[in-house]
Each structure stands twice: as C-alpha cells, then as structure tokens.
PDB file of all heavy atoms in Angstrom:
ATOM      1  N   ILE A   1       4.062   1.372  11.338  1.00  0.00           N
ATOM      2  CA  ILE A   1       4.520   0.045  10.945  1.00  0.00           C
ATOM      3  C   ILE A   1       6.030   0.144  10.787  1.00  0.00           C
ATOM      4  O   ILE A   1       6.524   0.849   9.909  1.00  0.00           O
ATOM      5  CB  ILE A   1       3.868  -0.408   9.619  1.00  0.00           C
ATOM      6  CG1 ILE A   1       2.356  -0.578   9.799  1.00  0.00           C
ATOM      7  CG2 ILE A   1       4.492  -1.712   9.128  1.00  0.00           C
ATOM      8  CD1 ILE A   1       1.610  -0.888   8.511  1.00  0.00           C
ATOM      9  N   ASN A   2       6.769  -0.535  11.649  1.00  0.00           N
ATOM     10  CA  ASN A   2       8.229  -0.461  11.595  1.00  0.00           C
ATOM     11  C   ASN A   2       8.802  -1.249  10.419  1.00  0.00           C
ATOM     12  O   ASN A   2       9.833  -0.874   9.861  1.00  0.00           O
ATOM     13  CB  ASN A   2       8.835  -0.959  12.903  1.00  0.00           C
ATOM     14  CG  ASN A   2       8.552  -0.012  14.059  1.00  0.00           C
ATOM     15  OD1 ASN A   2       8.461   1.198  13.878  1.00  0.00           O
ATOM     16  ND2 ASN A   2       8.404  -0.567  15.258  1.00  0.00           N
ATOM     17  N   ASP A   3       8.146  -2.337  10.070  1.00  0.00           N
ATOM     18  CA  ASP A   3       8.586  -3.152   8.936  1.00  0.00           C
ATOM     19  C   ASP A   3       7.380  -3.929   8.424  1.00  0.00           C
ATOM     20  O   ASP A   3       6.880  -4.824   9.105  1.00  0.00           O
ATOM     21  CB  ASP A   3       9.707  -4.108   9.348  1.00  0.00           C
ATOM     22  CG  ASP A   3      10.322  -4.845   8.162  1.00  0.00           C
ATOM     23  OD1 ASP A   3       9.729  -4.821   7.063  1.00  0.00           O
ATOM     24  OD2 ASP A   3      11.402  -5.435   8.335  1.00  0.00           O
ATOM     25  N   SER A   4       6.915  -3.586   7.229  1.00  0.00           N
ATOM     26  CA  SER A   4       5.704  -4.208   6.692  1.00  0.00           C
ATOM     27  C   SER A   4       5.888  -5.695   6.404  1.00  0.00           C
ATOM     28  O   SER A   4       4.906  -6.438   6.298  1.00  0.00           O
ATOM     29  CB  SER A   4       5.278  -3.487   5.406  1.00  0.00           C
ATOM     30  OG  SER A   4       6.285  -3.590   4.411  1.00  0.00           O
ATOM     31  N   GLN A   5       7.136  -6.136   6.290  1.00  0.00           N
ATOM     32  CA  GLN A   5       7.380  -7.548   6.020  1.00  0.00           C
ATOM     33  C   GLN A   5       7.358  -8.388   7.298  1.00  0.00           C
ATOM     34  O   GLN A   5       7.382  -9.614   7.243  1.00  0.00           O
ATOM     35  CB  GLN A   5       8.723  -7.717   5.296  1.00  0.00           C
ATOM     36  CG  GLN A   5       8.733  -7.061   3.928  1.00  0.00           C
ATOM     37  CD  GLN A   5      10.035  -7.300   3.177  1.00  0.00           C
ATOM     38  OE1 GLN A   5      10.858  -8.121   3.574  1.00  0.00           O
ATOM     39  NE2 GLN A   5      10.223  -6.584   2.072  1.00  0.00           N
ATOM     40  N   VAL A   6       7.301  -7.707   8.443  1.00  0.00           N
ATOM     41  CA  VAL A   6       7.259  -8.400   9.732  1.00  0.00           C
ATOM     42  C   VAL A   6       5.937  -8.142  10.466  1.00  0.00           C
ATOM     43  O   VAL A   6       5.381  -9.041  11.093  1.00  0.00           O
ATOM     44  CB  VAL A   6       8.442  -7.961  10.622  1.00  0.00           C
ATOM     45  CG1 VAL A   6       8.345  -8.601  11.997  1.00  0.00           C
ATOM     46  CG2 VAL A   6       9.763  -8.304   9.956  1.00  0.00           C
ATOM     47  N   GLU A   7       5.435  -6.915  10.354  1.00  0.00           N
ATOM     48  CA  GLU A   7       4.216  -6.504  11.054  1.00  0.00           C
ATOM     49  C   GLU A   7       3.026  -7.393  10.677  1.00  0.00           C
ATOM     50  O   GLU A   7       2.784  -7.660   9.503  1.00  0.00           O
ATOM     51  CB  GLU A   7       3.904  -5.047  10.721  1.00  0.00           C
ATOM     52  CG  GLU A   7       2.593  -4.524  11.276  1.00  0.00           C
ATOM     53  CD  GLU A   7       2.578  -4.443  12.782  1.00  0.00           C
ATOM     54  OE1 GLU A   7       3.571  -3.930  13.356  1.00  0.00           O
ATOM     55  OE2 GLU A   7       1.586  -4.890  13.375  1.00  0.00           O
ATOM     56  N   GLN A   8       2.290  -7.816  11.693  1.00  0.00           N
ATOM     57  CA  GLN A   8       1.120  -8.664  11.483  1.00  0.00           C
ATOM     58  C   GLN A   8      -0.196  -7.939  11.768  1.00  0.00           C
ATOM     59  O   GLN A   8      -1.239  -8.294  11.207  1.00  0.00           O
ATOM     60  CB  GLN A   8       1.213  -9.906  12.386  1.00  0.00           C
ATOM     61  CG  GLN A   8       2.408 -10.797  12.098  1.00  0.00           C
ATOM     62  CD  GLN A   8       2.363 -11.403  10.711  1.00  0.00           C
ATOM     63  OE1 GLN A   8       1.319 -11.866  10.255  1.00  0.00           O
ATOM     64  NE2 GLN A   8       3.499 -11.394  10.022  1.00  0.00           N
ATOM     65  N   ARG A   9      -0.174  -6.919  12.635  1.00  0.00           N
ATOM     66  CA  ARG A   9      -1.419  -6.246  13.031  1.00  0.00           C
ATOM     67  C   ARG A   9      -1.959  -5.332  11.940  1.00  0.00           C
ATOM     68  O   ARG A   9      -3.152  -5.330  11.648  1.00  0.00           O
ATOM     69  CB  ARG A   9      -1.196  -5.417  14.298  1.00  0.00           C
ATOM     70  CG  ARG A   9      -0.827  -6.176  15.543  1.00  0.00           C
ATOM     71  CD  ARG A   9      -0.668  -5.211  16.712  1.00  0.00           C
ATOM     72  NE  ARG A   9       0.220  -4.098  16.380  1.00  0.00           N
ATOM     73  CZ  ARG A   9      -0.144  -2.832  16.273  1.00  0.00           C
ATOM     74  NH1 ARG A   9      -1.406  -2.488  16.468  1.00  0.00           N
ATOM     75  NH2 ARG A   9       0.734  -1.892  15.981  1.00  0.00           N
ATOM     76  N   LEU A  10      -1.065  -4.518  11.370  1.00  0.00           N
ATOM     77  CA  LEU A  10      -1.467  -3.522  10.381  1.00  0.00           C
ATOM     78  C   LEU A  10      -0.701  -3.726   9.081  1.00  0.00           C
ATOM     79  O   LEU A  10       0.356  -4.361   9.071  1.00  0.00           O
ATOM     80  CB  LEU A  10      -1.200  -2.104  10.910  1.00  0.00           C
ATOM     81  CG  LEU A  10      -1.868  -1.711  12.225  1.00  0.00           C
ATOM     82  CD1 LEU A  10      -1.388  -0.330  12.666  1.00  0.00           C
ATOM     83  CD2 LEU A  10      -3.387  -1.733  12.104  1.00  0.00           C
ATOM     84  N   HIS A  11      -1.241  -3.178   8.006  1.00  0.00           N
ATOM     85  CA  HIS A  11      -0.553  -3.287   6.718  1.00  0.00           C
ATOM     86  C   HIS A  11      -0.560  -1.951   5.983  1.00  0.00           C
ATOM     87  O   HIS A  11      -1.451  -1.115   6.186  1.00  0.00           O
ATOM     88  CB  HIS A  11      -1.179  -4.382   5.847  1.00  0.00           C
ATOM     89  CG  HIS A  11      -2.612  -4.117   5.470  1.00  0.00           C
ATOM     90  ND1 HIS A  11      -2.976  -3.246   4.459  1.00  0.00           N
ATOM     91  CD2 HIS A  11      -3.777  -4.606   5.962  1.00  0.00           C
ATOM     92  CE1 HIS A  11      -4.287  -3.214   4.341  1.00  0.00           C
ATOM     93  NE2 HIS A  11      -4.805  -4.022   5.250  1.00  0.00           N
ATOM     94  N   LEU A  12       0.427  -1.762   5.142  1.00  0.00           N
ATOM     95  CA  LEU A  12       0.482  -0.587   4.279  1.00  0.00           C
ATOM     96  C   LEU A  12      -0.462  -0.792   3.109  1.00  0.00           C
ATOM     97  O   LEU A  12      -0.876  -1.915   2.807  1.00  0.00           O
ATOM     98  CB  LEU A  12       1.905  -0.367   3.760  1.00  0.00           C
ATOM     99  CG  LEU A  12       2.989  -0.060   4.795  1.00  0.00           C
ATOM    100  CD1 LEU A  12       4.355   0.019   4.120  1.00  0.00           C
ATOM    101  CD2 LEU A  12       2.689   1.245   5.525  1.00  0.00           C
ATOM    102  N   SER A  13      -0.793   0.291   2.424  1.00  0.00           N
ATOM    103  CA  SER A  13      -1.673   0.190   1.262  1.00  0.00           C
ATOM    104  C   SER A  13      -0.951  -0.556   0.144  1.00  0.00           C
ATOM    105  O   SER A  13       0.286  -0.565   0.076  1.00  0.00           O
ATOM    106  CB  SER A  13      -2.058   1.588   0.768  1.00  0.00           C
ATOM    107  OG  SER A  13      -0.922   2.254   0.235  1.00  0.00           O
ATOM    108  N   PRO A  14      -1.703  -1.223  -0.760  1.00  0.00           N
ATOM    109  CA  PRO A  14      -1.071  -1.922  -1.884  1.00  0.00           C
ATOM    110  C   PRO A  14      -0.173  -1.010  -2.722  1.00  0.00           C
ATOM    111  O   PRO A  14       0.884  -1.445  -3.199  1.00  0.00           O
ATOM    112  CB  PRO A  14      -2.277  -2.420  -2.691  1.00  0.00           C
ATOM    113  CG  PRO A  14      -3.361  -2.584  -1.673  1.00  0.00           C
ATOM    114  CD  PRO A  14      -3.166  -1.451  -0.722  1.00  0.00           C
ATOM    115  N   LEU A  15      -0.562   0.245  -2.889  1.00  0.00           N
ATOM    116  CA  LEU A  15       0.248   1.171  -3.675  1.00  0.00           C
ATOM    117  C   LEU A  15       1.587   1.429  -2.992  1.00  0.00           C
ATOM    118  O   LEU A  15       2.625   1.527  -3.648  1.00  0.00           O
ATOM    119  CB  LEU A  15      -0.509   2.487  -3.874  1.00  0.00           C
ATOM    120  CG  LEU A  15       0.067   3.450  -4.917  1.00  0.00           C
ATOM    121  CD1 LEU A  15       0.123   2.792  -6.282  1.00  0.00           C
ATOM    122  CD2 LEU A  15      -0.771   4.724  -4.981  1.00  0.00           C
ATOM    123  N   ALA A  16       1.571   1.534  -1.658  1.00  0.00           N
ATOM    124  CA  ALA A  16       2.810   1.743  -0.915  1.00  0.00           C
ATOM    125  C   ALA A  16       3.719   0.528  -1.035  1.00  0.00           C
ATOM    126  O   ALA A  16       4.940   0.660  -1.208  1.00  0.00           O
ATOM    127  CB  ALA A  16       2.501   2.031   0.551  1.00  0.00           C
ATOM    128  N   VAL A  17       3.131  -0.650  -0.945  1.00  0.00           N
ATOM    129  CA  VAL A  17       3.915  -1.886  -1.072  1.00  0.00           C
ATOM    130  C   VAL A  17       4.514  -1.979  -2.466  1.00  0.00           C
ATOM    131  O   VAL A  17       5.701  -2.306  -2.634  1.00  0.00           O
ATOM    132  CB  VAL A  17       3.045  -3.116  -0.764  1.00  0.00           C
ATOM    133  CG1 VAL A  17       3.817  -4.400  -1.043  1.00  0.00           C
ATOM    134  CG2 VAL A  17       2.578  -3.095   0.687  1.00  0.00           C
ATOM    135  N   ASP A  18       3.722  -1.681  -3.489  1.00  0.00           N
ATOM    136  CA  ASP A  18       4.210  -1.729  -4.874  1.00  0.00           C
ATOM    137  C   ASP A  18       5.337  -0.731  -5.110  1.00  0.00           C
ATOM    138  O   ASP A  18       6.193  -0.949  -5.971  1.00  0.00           O
ATOM    139  CB  ASP A  18       3.069  -1.447  -5.851  1.00  0.00           C
ATOM    140  CG  ASP A  18       2.039  -2.574  -5.888  1.00  0.00           C
ATOM    141  OD1 ASP A  18       2.367  -3.679  -5.404  1.00  0.00           O
ATOM    142  OD2 ASP A  18       0.923  -2.349  -6.378  1.00  0.00           O
ATOM    143  N   ALA A  19       5.335   0.373  -4.345  1.00  0.00           N
ATOM    144  CA  ALA A  19       6.370   1.396  -4.482  1.00  0.00           C
ATOM    145  C   ALA A  19       7.640   1.026  -3.717  1.00  0.00           C
ATOM    146  O   ALA A  19       8.614   1.788  -3.722  1.00  0.00           O
ATOM    147  CB  ALA A  19       5.839   2.743  -3.992  1.00  0.00           C
ATOM    148  N   GLY A  20       7.634  -0.131  -3.056  1.00  0.00           N
ATOM    149  CA  GLY A  20       8.814  -0.578  -2.328  1.00  0.00           C
ATOM    150  C   GLY A  20       8.974   0.034  -0.954  1.00  0.00           C
ATOM    151  O   GLY A  20      10.054  -0.020  -0.361  1.00  0.00           O
ATOM    152  N   LEU A  21       7.898   0.602  -0.395  1.00  0.00           N
ATOM    153  CA  LEU A  21       7.963   1.201   0.935  1.00  0.00           C
ATOM    154  C   LEU A  21       7.831   0.115   1.996  1.00  0.00           C
ATOM    155  O   LEU A  21       6.993  -0.781   1.873  1.00  0.00           O
ATOM    156  CB  LEU A  21       6.872   2.256   1.092  1.00  0.00           C
ATOM    157  CG  LEU A  21       6.965   3.417   0.085  1.00  0.00           C
ATOM    158  CD1 LEU A  21       5.756   4.326   0.179  1.00  0.00           C
ATOM    159  CD2 LEU A  21       8.255   4.198   0.292  1.00  0.00           C
ATOM    160  N   ARG A  22       8.650   0.197   3.032  1.00  0.00           N
ATOM    161  CA  ARG A  22       8.690  -0.852   4.051  1.00  0.00           C
ATOM    162  C   ARG A  22       8.086  -0.433   5.380  1.00  0.00           C
ATOM    163  O   ARG A  22       7.640  -1.276   6.164  1.00  0.00           O
ATOM    164  CB  ARG A  22      10.158  -1.270   4.292  1.00  0.00           C
ATOM    165  CG  ARG A  22      10.786  -2.084   3.186  1.00  0.00           C
ATOM    166  CD  ARG A  22      10.423  -3.542   3.260  1.00  0.00           C
ATOM    167  NE  ARG A  22      10.891  -4.202   4.468  1.00  0.00           N
ATOM    168  CZ  ARG A  22      12.098  -4.756   4.601  1.00  0.00           C
ATOM    169  NH1 ARG A  22      12.968  -4.686   3.611  1.00  0.00           N
ATOM    170  NH2 ARG A  22      12.425  -5.378   5.720  1.00  0.00           N
ATOM    171  N   SER A  23       8.100   0.867   5.681  1.00  0.00           N
ATOM    172  CA  SER A  23       7.625   1.325   6.984  1.00  0.00           C
ATOM    173  C   SER A  23       6.843   2.616   6.825  1.00  0.00           C
ATOM    174  O   SER A  23       6.996   3.342   5.834  1.00  0.00           O
ATOM    175  CB  SER A  23       8.799   1.524   7.945  1.00  0.00           C
ATOM    176  OG  SER A  23       9.742   2.432   7.407  1.00  0.00           O
ATOM    177  N   GLY A  24       6.001   2.916   7.812  1.00  0.00           N
ATOM    178  CA  GLY A  24       5.191   4.121   7.741  1.00  0.00           C
ATOM    179  C   GLY A  24       4.685   4.568   9.100  1.00  0.00           C
ATOM    180  O   GLY A  24       4.476   3.741   9.997  1.00  0.00           O
ATOM    181  N   LEU A  25       4.532   5.868   9.241  1.00  0.00           N
ATOM    182  CA  LEU A  25       3.974   6.488  10.444  1.00  0.00           C
ATOM    183  C   LEU A  25       2.839   7.391  10.001  1.00  0.00           C
ATOM    184  O   LEU A  25       3.016   8.206   9.092  1.00  0.00           O
ATOM    185  CB  LEU A  25       5.047   7.299  11.167  1.00  0.00           C
ATOM    186  CG  LEU A  25       4.586   8.288  12.250  1.00  0.00           C
ATOM    187  CD1 LEU A  25       3.940   7.552  13.415  1.00  0.00           C
ATOM    188  CD2 LEU A  25       5.762   9.134  12.731  1.00  0.00           C
ATOM    189  N   ALA A  26       1.664   7.240  10.609  1.00  0.00           N
ATOM    190  CA  ALA A  26       0.502   8.036  10.226  1.00  0.00           C
ATOM    191  C   ALA A  26      -0.147   8.657  11.453  1.00  0.00           C
ATOM    192  O   ALA A  26      -0.191   8.033  12.521  1.00  0.00           O
ATOM    193  CB  ALA A  26      -0.513   7.178   9.473  1.00  0.00           C
ATOM    194  N   VAL A  27      -0.657   9.874  11.293  1.00  0.00           N
ATOM    195  CA  VAL A  27      -1.322  10.577  12.394  1.00  0.00           C
ATOM    196  C   VAL A  27      -2.614  11.205  11.873  1.00  0.00           C
ATOM    197  O   VAL A  27      -2.741  11.495  10.685  1.00  0.00           O
ATOM    198  CB  VAL A  27      -0.415  11.682  12.996  1.00  0.00           C
ATOM    199  CG1 VAL A  27       0.862  11.079  13.551  1.00  0.00           C
ATOM    200  CG2 VAL A  27      -0.103  12.753  11.962  1.00  0.00           C
ATOM    201  N   PRO A  28      -3.579  11.420  12.766  1.00  0.00           N
ATOM    202  CA  PRO A  28      -4.843  12.039  12.343  1.00  0.00           C
ATOM    203  C   PRO A  28      -4.694  13.541  12.151  1.00  0.00           C
ATOM    204  O   PRO A  28      -3.888  14.189  12.818  1.00  0.00           O
ATOM    205  CB  PRO A  28      -5.785  11.729  13.504  1.00  0.00           C
ATOM    206  CG  PRO A  28      -4.874  11.665  14.696  1.00  0.00           C
ATOM    207  CD  PRO A  28      -3.599  11.049  14.192  1.00  0.00           C
ATOM    208  N   MET A  29      -5.472  14.091  11.236  1.00  0.00           N
ATOM    209  CA  MET A  29      -5.617  15.537  11.080  1.00  0.00           C
ATOM    210  C   MET A  29      -6.932  15.904  11.737  1.00  0.00           C
ATOM    211  O   MET A  29      -8.002  15.509  11.266  1.00  0.00           O
ATOM    212  CB  MET A  29      -5.612  15.928   9.602  1.00  0.00           C
ATOM    213  CG  MET A  29      -4.296  15.648   8.901  1.00  0.00           C
ATOM    214  SD  MET A  29      -4.408  15.919   7.107  1.00  0.00           S
ATOM    215  CE  MET A  29      -4.826  17.672   7.053  1.00  0.00           C
ATOM    216  N   LEU A  30      -6.850  16.617  12.847  1.00  0.00           N
ATOM    217  CA  LEU A  30      -8.037  16.894  13.647  1.00  0.00           C
ATOM    218  C   LEU A  30      -8.365  18.380  13.678  1.00  0.00           C
ATOM    219  O   LEU A  30      -7.475  19.221  13.769  1.00  0.00           O
ATOM    220  CB  LEU A  30      -7.836  16.402  15.082  1.00  0.00           C
ATOM    221  CG  LEU A  30      -7.638  14.904  15.277  1.00  0.00           C
ATOM    222  CD1 LEU A  30      -7.196  14.614  16.695  1.00  0.00           C
ATOM    223  CD2 LEU A  30      -8.910  14.152  14.949  1.00  0.00           C
ATOM    224  N   VAL A  31      -9.662  18.675  13.596  1.00  0.00           N
ATOM    225  CA  VAL A  31     -10.175  20.015  13.863  1.00  0.00           C
ATOM    226  C   VAL A  31     -11.205  19.833  14.962  1.00  0.00           C
ATOM    227  O   VAL A  31     -12.296  19.322  14.725  1.00  0.00           O
ATOM    228  CB  VAL A  31     -10.807  20.655  12.615  1.00  0.00           C
ATOM    229  CG1 VAL A  31     -11.403  22.012  12.962  1.00  0.00           C
ATOM    230  CG2 VAL A  31      -9.776  20.797  11.497  1.00  0.00           C
ATOM    231  N   GLY A  32     -10.830  20.207  16.178  1.00  0.00           N
ATOM    232  CA  GLY A  32     -11.670  19.876  17.313  1.00  0.00           C
ATOM    233  C   GLY A  32     -11.650  18.367  17.509  1.00  0.00           C
ATOM    234  O   GLY A  32     -10.582  17.755  17.568  1.00  0.00           O
ATOM    235  N   GLU A  33     -12.817  17.750  17.562  1.00  0.00           N
ATOM    236  CA  GLU A  33     -12.913  16.301  17.697  1.00  0.00           C
ATOM    237  C   GLU A  33     -13.121  15.614  16.363  1.00  0.00           C
ATOM    238  O   GLU A  33     -13.169  14.386  16.293  1.00  0.00           O
ATOM    239  CB  GLU A  33     -14.072  15.940  18.648  1.00  0.00           C
ATOM    240  CG  GLU A  33     -13.866  16.417  20.080  1.00  0.00           C
ATOM    241  CD  GLU A  33     -12.639  15.799  20.703  1.00  0.00           C
ATOM    242  OE1 GLU A  33     -12.442  14.582  20.525  1.00  0.00           O
ATOM    243  OE2 GLU A  33     -11.874  16.526  21.371  1.00  0.00           O
ATOM    244  N   GLN A  34     -13.240  16.404  15.296  1.00  0.00           N
ATOM    245  CA  GLN A  34     -13.533  15.846  13.976  1.00  0.00           C
ATOM    246  C   GLN A  34     -12.249  15.530  13.226  1.00  0.00           C
ATOM    247  O   GLN A  34     -11.370  16.378  13.070  1.00  0.00           O
ATOM    248  CB  GLN A  34     -14.364  16.841  13.154  1.00  0.00           C
ATOM    249  CG  GLN A  34     -14.641  16.400  11.727  1.00  0.00           C
ATOM    250  CD  GLN A  34     -15.591  15.226  11.686  1.00  0.00           C
ATOM    251  OE1 GLN A  34     -16.646  15.254  12.325  1.00  0.00           O
ATOM    252  NE2 GLN A  34     -15.237  14.195  10.929  1.00  0.00           N
ATOM    253  N   ILE A  35     -12.120  14.287  12.744  1.00  0.00           N
ATOM    254  CA  ILE A  35     -10.984  13.927  11.918  1.00  0.00           C
ATOM    255  C   ILE A  35     -11.305  14.267  10.471  1.00  0.00           C
ATOM    256  O   ILE A  35     -12.359  13.904   9.950  1.00  0.00           O
ATOM    257  CB  ILE A  35     -10.612  12.436  12.073  1.00  0.00           C
ATOM    258  CG1 ILE A  35      -9.348  12.122  11.268  1.00  0.00           C
ATOM    259  CG2 ILE A  35     -11.773  11.524  11.702  1.00  0.00           C
ATOM    260  CD1 ILE A  35      -8.746  10.763  11.594  1.00  0.00           C
ATOM    261  N   ILE A  36     -10.416  15.008   9.834  1.00  0.00           N
ATOM    262  CA  ILE A  36     -10.652  15.407   8.444  1.00  0.00           C
ATOM    263  C   ILE A  36      -9.692  14.735   7.476  1.00  0.00           C
ATOM    264  O   ILE A  36      -9.845  14.855   6.257  1.00  0.00           O
ATOM    265  CB  ILE A  36     -10.552  16.937   8.278  1.00  0.00           C
ATOM    266  CG1 ILE A  36      -9.116  17.410   8.528  1.00  0.00           C
ATOM    267  CG2 ILE A  36     -11.550  17.652   9.173  1.00  0.00           C
ATOM    268  CD1 ILE A  36      -8.880  18.853   8.096  1.00  0.00           C
ATOM    269  N   GLY A  37      -8.710  14.013   8.003  1.00  0.00           N
ATOM    270  CA  GLY A  37      -7.775  13.346   7.121  1.00  0.00           C
ATOM    271  C   GLY A  37      -6.667  12.665   7.892  1.00  0.00           C
ATOM    272  O   GLY A  37      -6.673  12.611   9.121  1.00  0.00           O
ATOM    273  N   VAL A  38      -5.709  12.147   7.137  1.00  0.00           N
ATOM    274  CA  VAL A  38      -4.565  11.442   7.704  1.00  0.00           C
ATOM    275  C   VAL A  38      -3.300  11.931   7.014  1.00  0.00           C
ATOM    276  O   VAL A  38      -3.262  12.079   5.790  1.00  0.00           O
ATOM    277  CB  VAL A  38      -4.703   9.915   7.511  1.00  0.00           C
ATOM    278  CG1 VAL A  38      -3.424   9.195   7.921  1.00  0.00           C
ATOM    279  CG2 VAL A  38      -5.887   9.377   8.309  1.00  0.00           C
ATOM    280  N   LEU A  39      -2.270  12.205   7.799  1.00  0.00           N
ATOM    281  CA  LEU A  39      -0.959  12.587   7.280  1.00  0.00           C
ATOM    282  C   LEU A  39       0.001  11.442   7.580  1.00  0.00           C
ATOM    283  O   LEU A  39       0.098  10.998   8.730  1.00  0.00           O
ATOM    284  CB  LEU A  39      -0.466  13.875   7.934  1.00  0.00           C
ATOM    285  CG  LEU A  39       0.885  14.427   7.464  1.00  0.00           C
ATOM    286  CD1 LEU A  39       0.826  14.833   5.995  1.00  0.00           C
ATOM    287  CD2 LEU A  39       1.309  15.611   8.329  1.00  0.00           C
ATOM    288  N   ALA A  40       0.693  10.940   6.555  1.00  0.00           N
ATOM    289  CA  ALA A  40       1.557   9.774   6.732  1.00  0.00           C
ATOM    290  C   ALA A  40       2.909   9.975   6.066  1.00  0.00           C
ATOM    291  O   ALA A  40       2.995  10.560   4.984  1.00  0.00           O
ATOM    292  CB  ALA A  40       0.884   8.525   6.164  1.00  0.00           C
ATOM    293  N   VAL A  41       3.950   9.497   6.719  1.00  0.00           N
ATOM    294  CA  VAL A  41       5.292   9.486   6.145  1.00  0.00           C
ATOM    295  C   VAL A  41       5.725   8.036   5.967  1.00  0.00           C
ATOM    296  O   VAL A  41       5.291   7.147   6.715  1.00  0.00           O
ATOM    297  CB  VAL A  41       6.315  10.243   7.015  1.00  0.00           C
ATOM    298  CG1 VAL A  41       6.072  11.740   6.954  1.00  0.00           C
ATOM    299  CG2 VAL A  41       6.274   9.758   8.465  1.00  0.00           C
TER     300      VAL A  41
END
C-alpha cells in the first residue's frame, strides 16, 4: 500500500492506522508451499 489514505483495494490494520503509519509492504513467509506467516514493513 503506497498510501493508505489513497489506496482503495487494500487497507492497513486498525492498529497500524492508529500508529500513524501510511504505507506498508508485506510478503509471505513460505516453507515449501506452506505459508507460515507474513513479514511486513
């Protein structure tokens, strides 16, 4: 999400919004084909 105040498709979590965060990049944590989590900046 390049700018949460403009983006319409996806949204940041309420906690991220409350913390004043405007943008985010997230990727899957994969072991083989199994996703075990998400890493986000």
